[in-house]
Amino acid sequence: MNPYVLLAAAILSELFGTTALKLSEGFSRPLPSVGVLVGYGVAFYLVSLTLEDLPLGVVYGTWAALGIVGVATIGVVVFDEQLDVPGVVGIILVVAGVYFLNVLSEMSAH
């Protein structure tokens, strides 16, 4: 399977786990708490598979950066959190970093 598809699935799993973490209210709610374990478990497993084909820096940088963007988006859309101008600039810089790492850098597997 394409390692970037696995990485995308890992990122989605992490976003699921992180959202469940917010909903677990300090692990006091059983169902979201199970969602945390499942989401992070699947995410780490899928990341381990991507590391068989892609460099560590590319995988972790992409995973972390897109996780940041995804979690910030979920925070705004689902939890009514506010995103100010410095936050938007930060997200743009994170996305630019992923672009540089995956497209322009010789570190990537293109």
N, C-alpha and C. Protein backbone atom coordinates (compact mmCIF):
# COMPACT_ATOMS: atom_id res chain seq x y z
N MET A 1 0.85 -1.19 0.00
CA MET A 1 0.00 0.00 0.00
C MET A 1 0.89 1.24 0.00
N ASN A 2 0.40 2.30 -0.61
CA ASN A 2 1.12 3.56 -0.67
C ASN A 2 1.38 4.07 0.75
N PRO A 3 2.65 4.37 1.09
CA PRO A 3 2.94 4.82 2.46
C PRO A 3 2.28 6.15 2.80
N TYR A 4 2.03 6.98 1.80
CA TYR A 4 1.36 8.25 2.09
C TYR A 4 -0.12 8.05 2.43
N VAL A 5 -0.73 7.01 1.88
CA VAL A 5 -2.11 6.66 2.26
C VAL A 5 -2.12 6.18 3.71
N LEU A 6 -1.14 5.35 4.07
CA LEU A 6 -1.03 4.88 5.46
C LEU A 6 -0.78 6.06 6.40
N LEU A 7 0.06 6.99 5.98
CA LEU A 7 0.34 8.16 6.82
C LEU A 7 -0.92 9.01 6.99
N ALA A 8 -1.68 9.18 5.93
CA ALA A 8 -2.94 9.93 6.03
C ALA A 8 -3.90 9.24 7.00
N ALA A 9 -3.98 7.93 6.93
CA ALA A 9 -4.84 7.17 7.85
C ALA A 9 -4.33 7.31 9.29
N ALA A 10 -3.01 7.32 9.47
CA ALA A 10 -2.44 7.51 10.80
C ALA A 10 -2.81 8.87 11.36
N ILE A 11 -2.74 9.89 10.52
CA ILE A 11 -3.09 11.25 10.95
C ILE A 11 -4.56 11.32 11.34
N LEU A 12 -5.42 10.72 10.53
CA LEU A 12 -6.86 10.71 10.86
C LEU A 12 -7.11 9.97 12.16
N SER A 13 -6.40 8.87 12.38
CA SER A 13 -6.55 8.11 13.63
C SER A 13 -6.10 8.93 14.82
N GLU A 14 -5.01 9.67 14.64
CA GLU A 14 -4.54 10.52 15.73
C GLU A 14 -5.54 11.63 16.02
N LEU A 15 -6.12 12.21 14.97
CA LEU A 15 -7.13 13.26 15.18
C LEU A 15 -8.34 12.69 15.92
N PHE A 16 -8.73 11.48 15.57
CA PHE A 16 -9.83 10.81 16.29
C PHE A 16 -9.46 10.64 17.76
N GLY A 17 -8.24 10.13 18.01
CA GLY A 17 -7.81 9.91 19.39
C GLY A 17 -7.71 11.20 20.19
N THR A 18 -7.22 12.24 19.56
CA THR A 18 -7.08 13.53 20.25
C THR A 18 -8.44 14.15 20.55
N THR A 19 -9.36 14.03 19.62
CA THR A 19 -10.72 14.53 19.86
C THR A 19 -11.38 13.74 20.99
N ALA A 20 -11.17 12.43 20.98
CA ALA A 20 -11.70 11.59 22.06
C ALA A 20 -11.06 11.97 23.40
N LEU A 21 -9.79 12.35 23.37
CA LEU A 21 -9.11 12.78 24.60
C LEU A 21 -9.78 14.00 25.19
N LYS A 22 -10.13 14.95 24.34
CA LYS A 22 -10.85 16.15 24.81
C LYS A 22 -12.21 15.76 25.40
N LEU A 23 -12.90 14.84 24.71
CA LEU A 23 -14.23 14.41 25.16
C LEU A 23 -14.20 13.50 26.38
N SER A 24 -13.04 12.91 26.68
CA SER A 24 -12.96 11.97 27.80
C SER A 24 -13.02 12.65 29.16
N GLU A 25 -12.82 13.96 29.18
CA GLU A 25 -12.84 14.74 30.42
C GLU A 25 -11.94 14.11 31.47
N GLY A 26 -10.65 14.03 31.12
CA GLY A 26 -9.67 13.48 32.06
C GLY A 26 -9.82 11.98 32.26
N PHE A 27 -10.25 11.28 31.25
CA PHE A 27 -10.50 9.83 31.27
C PHE A 27 -11.61 9.45 32.26
N SER A 28 -12.52 10.38 32.52
CA SER A 28 -13.64 10.08 33.42
C SER A 28 -14.86 9.55 32.66
N ARG A 29 -14.83 9.62 31.33
CA ARG A 29 -15.92 9.10 30.51
C ARG A 29 -15.40 7.88 29.75
N PRO A 30 -16.01 6.71 29.99
CA PRO A 30 -15.46 5.45 29.45
C PRO A 30 -15.38 5.39 27.92
N LEU A 31 -16.43 5.72 27.22
CA LEU A 31 -16.44 5.55 25.77
C LEU A 31 -15.39 6.43 25.08
N PRO A 32 -15.33 7.72 25.37
CA PRO A 32 -14.25 8.51 24.76
C PRO A 32 -12.86 8.04 25.20
N SER A 33 -12.74 7.54 26.41
CA SER A 33 -11.45 7.03 26.88
C SER A 33 -10.99 5.84 26.04
N VAL A 34 -11.91 4.97 25.69
CA VAL A 34 -11.58 3.85 24.81
C VAL A 34 -11.20 4.39 23.43
N GLY A 35 -11.89 5.43 22.99
CA GLY A 35 -11.57 6.05 21.70
C GLY A 35 -10.15 6.59 21.66
N VAL A 36 -9.67 7.11 22.78
CA VAL A 36 -8.29 7.60 22.87
C VAL A 36 -7.33 6.45 22.62
N LEU A 37 -7.53 5.34 23.32
CA LEU A 37 -6.63 4.19 23.19
C LEU A 37 -6.66 3.61 21.78
N VAL A 38 -7.85 3.48 21.22
CA VAL A 38 -7.97 2.93 19.87
C VAL A 38 -7.35 3.89 18.84
N GLY A 39 -7.70 5.16 18.94
CA GLY A 39 -7.19 6.14 17.98
C GLY A 39 -5.68 6.22 17.98
N TYR A 40 -5.09 6.34 19.17
CA TYR A 40 -3.64 6.44 19.24
C TYR A 40 -2.97 5.11 18.90
N GLY A 41 -3.57 4.01 19.30
CA GLY A 41 -3.01 2.69 18.98
C GLY A 41 -2.93 2.47 17.47
N VAL A 42 -4.03 2.75 16.79
CA VAL A 42 -4.06 2.60 15.33
C VAL A 42 -3.08 3.59 14.68
N ALA A 43 -3.03 4.81 15.18
CA ALA A 43 -2.13 5.82 14.62
C ALA A 43 -0.67 5.37 14.71
N PHE A 44 -0.26 4.92 15.87
CA PHE A 44 1.14 4.49 16.02
C PHE A 44 1.45 3.26 15.18
N TYR A 45 0.51 2.35 15.08
CA TYR A 45 0.73 1.17 14.23
C TYR A 45 0.92 1.58 12.77
N LEU A 46 0.04 2.46 12.29
CA LEU A 46 0.13 2.90 10.89
C LEU A 46 1.40 3.71 10.64
N VAL A 47 1.80 4.53 11.59
CA VAL A 47 3.06 5.27 11.44
C VAL A 47 4.23 4.29 11.35
N SER A 48 4.18 3.24 12.15
CA SER A 48 5.27 2.25 12.10
C SER A 48 5.37 1.62 10.71
N LEU A 49 4.23 1.42 10.06
CA LEU A 49 4.25 0.85 8.71
C LEU A 49 4.83 1.84 7.69
N THR A 50 4.53 3.11 7.85
CA THR A 50 5.05 4.10 6.90
C THR A 50 6.56 4.21 7.02
N LEU A 51 7.09 3.95 8.21
CA LEU A 51 8.53 4.07 8.42
C LEU A 51 9.32 2.98 7.69
N GLU A 52 8.61 1.97 7.19
CA GLU A 52 9.28 0.95 6.39
C GLU A 52 9.68 1.50 5.01
N ASP A 53 8.97 2.53 4.54
CA ASP A 53 9.19 3.05 3.18
C ASP A 53 9.63 4.51 3.12
N LEU A 54 9.37 5.28 4.15
CA LEU A 54 9.67 6.71 4.11
C LEU A 54 10.66 7.07 5.22
N PRO A 55 11.45 8.13 5.01
CA PRO A 55 12.40 8.56 6.04
C PRO A 55 11.68 9.06 7.30
N LEU A 56 12.32 8.83 8.44
CA LEU A 56 11.75 9.20 9.73
C LEU A 56 11.38 10.68 9.79
N GLY A 57 12.27 11.56 9.33
CA GLY A 57 12.00 13.00 9.39
C GLY A 57 10.78 13.40 8.59
N VAL A 58 10.61 12.79 7.44
CA VAL A 58 9.45 13.09 6.60
C VAL A 58 8.18 12.60 7.27
N VAL A 59 8.20 11.39 7.78
CA VAL A 59 7.01 10.81 8.41
C VAL A 59 6.63 11.60 9.64
N TYR A 60 7.56 11.79 10.55
CA TYR A 60 7.21 12.46 11.80
C TYR A 60 6.87 13.92 11.57
N GLY A 61 7.63 14.60 10.72
CA GLY A 61 7.33 16.00 10.44
C GLY A 61 5.95 16.18 9.84
N THR A 62 5.61 15.33 8.89
CA THR A 62 4.29 15.41 8.25
C THR A 62 3.18 15.06 9.24
N TRP A 63 3.39 13.99 9.99
CA TRP A 63 2.39 13.53 10.96
C TRP A 63 2.13 14.61 12.01
N ALA A 64 3.19 15.14 12.57
CA ALA A 64 3.03 16.15 13.61
C ALA A 64 2.40 17.42 13.07
N ALA A 65 2.88 17.88 11.92
CA ALA A 65 2.38 19.14 11.36
C ALA A 65 0.92 19.05 10.97
N LEU A 66 0.56 18.01 10.25
CA LEU A 66 -0.84 17.89 9.83
C LEU A 66 -1.75 17.58 11.02
N GLY A 67 -1.18 16.95 12.05
CA GLY A 67 -1.94 16.76 13.29
C GLY A 67 -2.25 18.10 13.94
N ILE A 68 -1.26 19.00 13.95
CA ILE A 68 -1.47 20.34 14.51
C ILE A 68 -2.57 21.08 13.75
N VAL A 69 -2.47 21.05 12.43
CA VAL A 69 -3.47 21.74 11.61
C VAL A 69 -4.85 21.12 11.82
N GLY A 70 -4.91 19.80 11.82
CA GLY A 70 -6.19 19.11 12.00
C GLY A 70 -6.81 19.36 13.36
N VAL A 71 -6.00 19.29 14.40
CA VAL A 71 -6.52 19.51 15.75
C VAL A 71 -6.98 20.96 15.93
N ALA A 72 -6.23 21.89 15.37
CA ALA A 72 -6.66 23.30 15.45
C ALA A 72 -7.99 23.49 14.73
N THR A 73 -8.14 22.85 13.59
CA THR A 73 -9.40 22.94 12.84
C THR A 73 -10.55 22.32 13.63
N ILE A 74 -10.32 21.14 14.20
CA ILE A 74 -11.36 20.50 15.02
C ILE A 74 -11.71 21.38 16.22
N GLY A 75 -10.69 21.99 16.83
CA GLY A 75 -10.95 22.88 17.96
C GLY A 75 -11.89 24.02 17.59
N VAL A 76 -11.66 24.60 16.43
CA VAL A 76 -12.49 25.72 15.98
C VAL A 76 -13.89 25.25 15.61
N VAL A 77 -13.97 24.17 14.83
CA VAL A 77 -15.26 23.72 14.28
C VAL A 77 -16.11 23.00 15.33
N VAL A 78 -15.51 22.11 16.09
CA VAL A 78 -16.28 21.25 17.00
C VAL A 78 -16.40 21.86 18.40
N PHE A 79 -15.31 22.45 18.89
CA PHE A 79 -15.30 22.92 20.28
C PHE A 79 -15.40 24.43 20.41
N ASP A 80 -15.67 25.12 19.30
CA ASP A 80 -15.88 26.57 19.29
C ASP A 80 -14.70 27.34 19.89
N GLU A 81 -13.48 26.85 19.65
CA GLU A 81 -12.29 27.55 20.09
C GLU A 81 -11.96 28.65 19.10
N GLN A 82 -11.29 29.66 19.57
CA GLN A 82 -10.97 30.82 18.73
C GLN A 82 -9.58 30.68 18.13
N LEU A 83 -9.44 31.10 16.89
CA LEU A 83 -8.15 31.12 16.20
C LEU A 83 -7.88 32.56 15.78
N ASP A 84 -6.80 33.14 16.31
CA ASP A 84 -6.49 34.53 15.99
C ASP A 84 -5.48 34.60 14.84
N VAL A 85 -5.11 35.82 14.47
CA VAL A 85 -4.21 36.03 13.34
C VAL A 85 -2.86 35.34 13.55
N PRO A 86 -2.22 35.45 14.72
CA PRO A 86 -0.96 34.72 14.90
C PRO A 86 -1.15 33.20 14.77
N GLY A 87 -2.28 32.71 15.19
CA GLY A 87 -2.57 31.28 15.04
C GLY A 87 -2.67 30.88 13.57
N VAL A 88 -3.34 31.70 12.79
CA VAL A 88 -3.46 31.43 11.35
C VAL A 88 -2.09 31.48 10.68
N VAL A 89 -1.29 32.47 11.05
CA VAL A 89 0.06 32.57 10.48
C VAL A 89 0.88 31.34 10.86
N GLY A 90 0.75 30.91 12.09
CA GLY A 90 1.46 29.71 12.53
C GLY A 90 1.05 28.49 11.74
N ILE A 91 -0.23 28.33 11.49
CA ILE A 91 -0.72 27.19 10.71
C ILE A 91 -0.19 27.27 9.28
N ILE A 92 -0.17 28.46 8.70
CA ILE A 92 0.38 28.62 7.35
C ILE A 92 1.85 28.21 7.32
N LEU A 93 2.60 28.59 8.34
CA LEU A 93 4.02 28.22 8.41
C LEU A 93 4.19 26.70 8.57
N VAL A 94 3.31 26.07 9.34
CA VAL A 94 3.37 24.61 9.51
C VAL A 94 3.10 23.93 8.16
N VAL A 95 2.08 24.38 7.46
CA VAL A 95 1.76 23.80 6.15
C VAL A 95 2.91 24.03 5.17
N ALA A 96 3.51 25.21 5.21
CA ALA A 96 4.67 25.48 4.35
C ALA A 96 5.81 24.53 4.69
N GLY A 97 6.02 24.27 5.96
CA GLY A 97 7.06 23.34 6.37
C GLY A 97 6.84 21.95 5.83
N VAL A 98 5.60 21.47 5.84
CA VAL A 98 5.28 20.16 5.28
C VAL A 98 5.55 20.15 3.78
N TYR A 99 5.19 21.22 3.10
CA TYR A 99 5.44 21.32 1.67
C TYR A 99 6.95 21.25 1.39
N PHE A 100 7.71 22.04 2.11
CA PHE A 100 9.15 22.04 1.89
C PHE A 100 9.76 20.66 2.16
N LEU A 101 9.32 20.04 3.24
CA LEU A 101 9.85 18.73 3.61
C LEU A 101 9.50 17.65 2.60
N ASN A 102 8.27 17.65 2.12
CA ASN A 102 7.80 16.57 1.24
C ASN A 102 8.04 16.81 -0.24
N VAL A 103 8.09 18.07 -0.67
CA VAL A 103 8.18 18.36 -2.09
C VAL A 103 9.57 18.88 -2.49
N LEU A 104 10.11 19.80 -1.73
CA LEU A 104 11.35 20.43 -2.13
C LEU A 104 12.60 19.75 -1.57
N SER A 105 12.48 19.15 -0.42
CA SER A 105 13.65 18.55 0.23
C SER A 105 14.10 17.26 -0.44
N GLU A 106 15.39 17.07 -0.50
CA GLU A 106 15.93 15.81 -1.00
C GLU A 106 15.74 14.68 0.01
N MET A 107 15.30 15.03 1.19
CA MET A 107 15.05 14.04 2.25
C MET A 107 13.85 13.16 1.92
N SER A 108 12.90 13.70 1.17
CA SER A 108 11.67 12.95 0.89
C SER A 108 11.92 11.87 -0.16
N ALA A 109 10.92 11.04 -0.31
CA ALA A 109 11.04 9.87 -1.19
C ALA A 109 10.41 10.11 -2.55
N HIS A 110 10.65 11.28 -3.17
CA HIS A 110 10.05 11.52 -4.48
C HIS A 110 10.92 11.15 -5.60
